[in-house]
Amino acid sequence: MRISITGKNIEVSEYLKELALKKMSKLDRYFPADTVAQVTMALEKNRHIVEVTIPYSGGIIRGEEVTGDMYASIDNVIAKLERQIIRHRTKLEKNLKAEAFNEPVPEYSDEEDEGPRVVKVKRFSIKPMSEEEAILQMELLGHSFFVFTNAETEDINVLYKRKDGNLGLIEPE
């Protein structure tokens, strides 16, 4: 697996890079050699944030951890990713082993404006999938909603977590 490490509001030392590479090597057994993982380390006040994004042909696996120590954040995010992969192994096995992770990391851009404004724009390709696949992707990303093309209806749908713990599905008329 190829690993790209970047820092936000922090200069990533060689020791920290080596440590992240060593810890990420635990995930090598799940992915093909040409998989590209993006590790972002950020420092905001006393919060040490580590975010790992691993795009692949079936979707994206993502984990984020915030602690008071960068080393603990690295350990925790690797453990979280491994738990996600193991928990969903049967559903992911065909994608993790059969195909390379070729999709690019989503692009982010910031725009400034008066009053309420869009502070982040994410662009991603939407592939047709079943509701079950969409639920899996939403769980892997750790988001409260997921936009996808429904493979049966070919319409754009939004899957979201409800306050009661269940899921909701928004379909166009």
Protein backbone atom coordinates (compact mmCIF):
# COMPACT_ATOMS: atom_id res chain seq x y z
CA MET A 1 0.00 0.00 0.00
CA ARG A 2 1.24 3.48 -0.85
CA ILE A 3 0.73 6.02 1.92
CA SER A 4 0.62 9.79 1.51
CA ILE A 5 1.11 11.72 4.76
CA THR A 6 0.30 15.42 5.03
CA GLY A 7 0.11 17.90 7.87
CA LYS A 8 -2.34 20.71 8.50
CA ASN A 9 -1.14 23.37 10.94
CA ILE A 10 1.69 21.00 11.83
CA GLU A 11 5.03 20.02 10.32
CA VAL A 12 5.10 16.23 10.28
CA SER A 13 8.47 15.07 11.61
CA GLU A 14 10.35 12.10 10.13
CA TYR A 15 9.73 10.13 13.33
CA LEU A 16 5.99 10.79 13.13
CA LYS A 17 5.96 9.79 9.43
CA GLU A 18 7.83 6.56 10.18
CA LEU A 19 5.49 5.76 13.04
CA ALA A 20 2.40 6.36 10.86
CA LEU A 21 3.88 4.22 8.06
CA LYS A 22 4.64 1.42 10.52
CA LYS A 23 1.14 1.52 12.00
CA MET A 24 -0.53 1.71 8.56
CA SER A 25 1.43 -1.38 7.47
CA LYS A 26 -0.99 -3.38 9.68
CA LEU A 27 -3.64 -2.70 7.02
CA ASP A 28 -1.45 -3.92 4.12
CA ARG A 29 -2.87 -7.42 4.28
CA TYR A 30 -6.35 -6.15 3.38
CA PHE A 31 -5.41 -4.10 0.30
CA PRO A 32 -3.56 -4.60 -2.99
CA ALA A 33 -0.07 -3.09 -3.30
CA ASP A 34 -1.22 -0.21 -5.53
CA THR A 35 -3.78 1.07 -2.98
CA VAL A 36 -3.22 4.73 -2.08
CA ALA A 37 -4.03 5.77 1.49
CA GLN A 38 -4.18 9.45 2.48
CA VAL A 39 -3.18 10.24 6.08
CA THR A 40 -3.78 13.81 7.27
CA MET A 41 -2.48 14.97 10.63
CA ALA A 42 -3.83 18.24 11.98
CA LEU A 43 -3.30 20.31 15.08
CA GLU A 44 -6.11 22.59 16.26
CA LYS A 45 -5.47 24.14 19.68
CA ASN A 46 -4.84 21.10 21.91
CA ARG A 47 -6.64 18.68 19.60
CA HIS A 48 -4.47 16.26 17.63
CA ILE A 49 -6.49 14.98 14.68
CA VAL A 50 -5.56 12.07 12.42
CA GLU A 51 -7.74 11.29 9.41
CA VAL A 52 -7.15 8.30 7.13
CA THR A 53 -8.96 7.94 3.80
CA ILE A 54 -8.57 4.86 1.63
CA PRO A 55 -10.47 5.10 -1.69
CA TYR A 56 -11.10 1.93 -3.66
CA SER A 57 -13.28 0.85 -6.57
CA GLY A 58 -16.17 -0.14 -4.30
CA GLY A 59 -16.19 3.02 -2.17
CA ILE A 60 -14.14 4.72 0.53
CA ILE A 61 -12.99 3.58 3.95
CA ARG A 62 -12.41 6.49 6.30
CA GLY A 63 -11.50 6.96 9.94
CA GLU A 64 -10.84 10.01 12.08
CA GLU A 65 -9.61 10.31 15.65
CA VAL A 66 -9.16 13.33 17.91
CA THR A 67 -7.17 13.12 21.14
CA GLY A 68 -4.77 15.24 23.14
CA ASP A 69 -1.79 13.28 21.75
CA MET A 70 -0.86 12.66 18.09
CA TYR A 71 0.53 9.19 18.86
CA ALA A 72 -2.71 8.13 20.53
CA SER A 73 -4.72 9.52 17.60
CA ILE A 74 -2.65 7.42 15.16
CA ASP A 75 -3.12 4.26 17.23
CA ASN A 76 -6.85 4.86 17.66
CA VAL A 77 -7.58 5.58 13.99
CA ILE A 78 -5.70 2.45 12.85
CA ALA A 79 -7.64 0.34 15.37
CA LYS A 80 -10.92 1.94 14.22
CA LEU A 81 -10.17 1.20 10.54
CA GLU A 82 -9.22 -2.38 11.30
CA ARG A 83 -12.45 -2.89 13.28
CA GLN A 84 -14.47 -1.48 10.35
CA ILE A 85 -12.75 -3.77 7.86
CA ILE A 86 -13.17 -6.85 10.05
CA ARG A 87 -16.80 -6.04 10.92
CA HIS A 88 -17.72 -5.67 7.24
CA ARG A 89 -15.24 -8.20 5.90
CA THR A 90 -17.74 -10.50 4.22
CA LYS A 91 -19.36 -7.58 2.40
CA LEU A 92 -16.04 -5.99 1.46
CA GLU A 93 -13.98 -9.07 0.64
CA LYS A 94 -14.73 -9.12 -3.08
CA ASN A 95 -13.74 -5.44 -3.47
CA LEU A 96 -10.76 -5.48 -1.13
CA LYS A 97 -9.12 -8.50 -2.69
CA ALA A 98 -10.35 -8.44 -6.29
CA GLU A 99 -9.83 -4.85 -7.44
CA ALA A 100 -7.27 -2.09 -6.97
CA PHE A 101 -8.23 1.13 -5.22
CA ASN A 102 -7.97 3.50 -8.18
CA GLU A 103 -10.50 6.23 -7.39
CA PRO A 104 -8.97 9.60 -6.53
CA VAL A 105 -9.39 11.19 -3.11
CA PRO A 106 -12.31 13.67 -3.17
CA GLU A 107 -11.28 17.26 -3.90
CA TYR A 108 -11.85 19.94 -1.26
CA SER A 109 -11.99 23.66 -1.81
CA ASP A 110 -12.77 26.64 0.39
CA GLU A 111 -14.74 29.71 -0.70
CA GLU A 112 -15.35 32.95 1.21
CA ASP A 113 -18.58 34.97 1.11
CA GLU A 114 -20.61 37.42 3.23
CA GLY A 115 -23.00 35.89 5.79
CA PRO A 116 -23.61 32.15 5.75
CA ARG A 117 -21.25 30.56 3.30
CA VAL A 118 -20.12 27.27 1.90
CA VAL A 119 -16.87 26.45 3.70
CA LYS A 120 -16.15 23.09 2.10
CA VAL A 121 -17.02 21.52 -1.24
CA LYS A 122 -16.57 17.81 -1.81
CA ARG A 123 -16.72 16.27 -5.24
CA PHE A 124 -17.04 12.56 -5.73
CA SER A 125 -18.21 10.14 -8.37
CA ILE A 126 -21.56 8.48 -7.75
CA LYS A 127 -21.84 4.88 -8.84
CA PRO A 128 -25.07 2.89 -8.95
CA MET A 129 -25.51 0.71 -5.86
CA SER A 130 -28.15 -1.03 -3.81
CA GLU A 131 -29.53 0.35 -0.55
CA GLU A 132 -27.50 -2.26 1.36
CA GLU A 133 -24.26 -1.09 -0.30
CA ALA A 134 -25.16 2.53 0.51
CA ILE A 135 -25.73 1.64 4.18
CA LEU A 136 -22.34 -0.07 4.27
CA GLN A 137 -20.60 2.93 2.68
CA MET A 138 -22.29 5.35 5.08
CA GLU A 139 -21.10 3.26 8.05
CA LEU A 140 -17.56 2.98 6.67
CA LEU A 141 -17.36 6.75 6.16
CA GLY A 142 -18.81 7.46 9.59
CA HIS A 143 -21.23 10.04 8.16
CA SER A 144 -24.85 10.65 9.12
CA PHE A 145 -25.98 10.66 5.47
CA PHE A 146 -24.94 9.23 2.10
CA VAL A 147 -25.86 10.30 -1.45
CA PHE A 148 -25.96 7.54 -4.07
CA THR A 149 -27.53 6.44 -7.35
CA ASN A 150 -30.07 3.71 -6.68
CA ALA A 151 -29.19 0.78 -8.97
CA GLU A 152 -32.86 -0.29 -9.25
CA THR A 153 -34.47 3.09 -10.03
CA GLU A 154 -31.38 4.90 -11.43
CA ASP A 155 -32.42 7.96 -9.37
CA ILE A 156 -30.28 9.91 -6.92
CA ASN A 157 -31.22 8.90 -3.33
CA VAL A 158 -30.14 10.17 0.08
CA LEU A 159 -29.75 7.75 2.95
CA TYR A 160 -29.63 9.31 6.43
CA LYS A 161 -29.54 8.39 10.12
CA ARG A 162 -32.67 9.36 12.03
CA LYS A 163 -32.68 10.61 15.63
CA ASP A 164 -34.42 7.38 16.72
CA GLY A 165 -31.40 5.36 15.48
CA ASN A 166 -33.08 4.00 12.36
CA LEU A 167 -32.32 4.98 8.77
CA GLY A 168 -34.32 7.14 6.36
CA LEU A 169 -34.25 7.14 2.56
CA ILE A 170 -35.10 10.18 0.44
CA GLU A 171 -36.25 9.34 -3.09
CA PRO A 172 -37.27 11.85 -5.80
CA GLU A 173 -40.82 11.77 -7.17
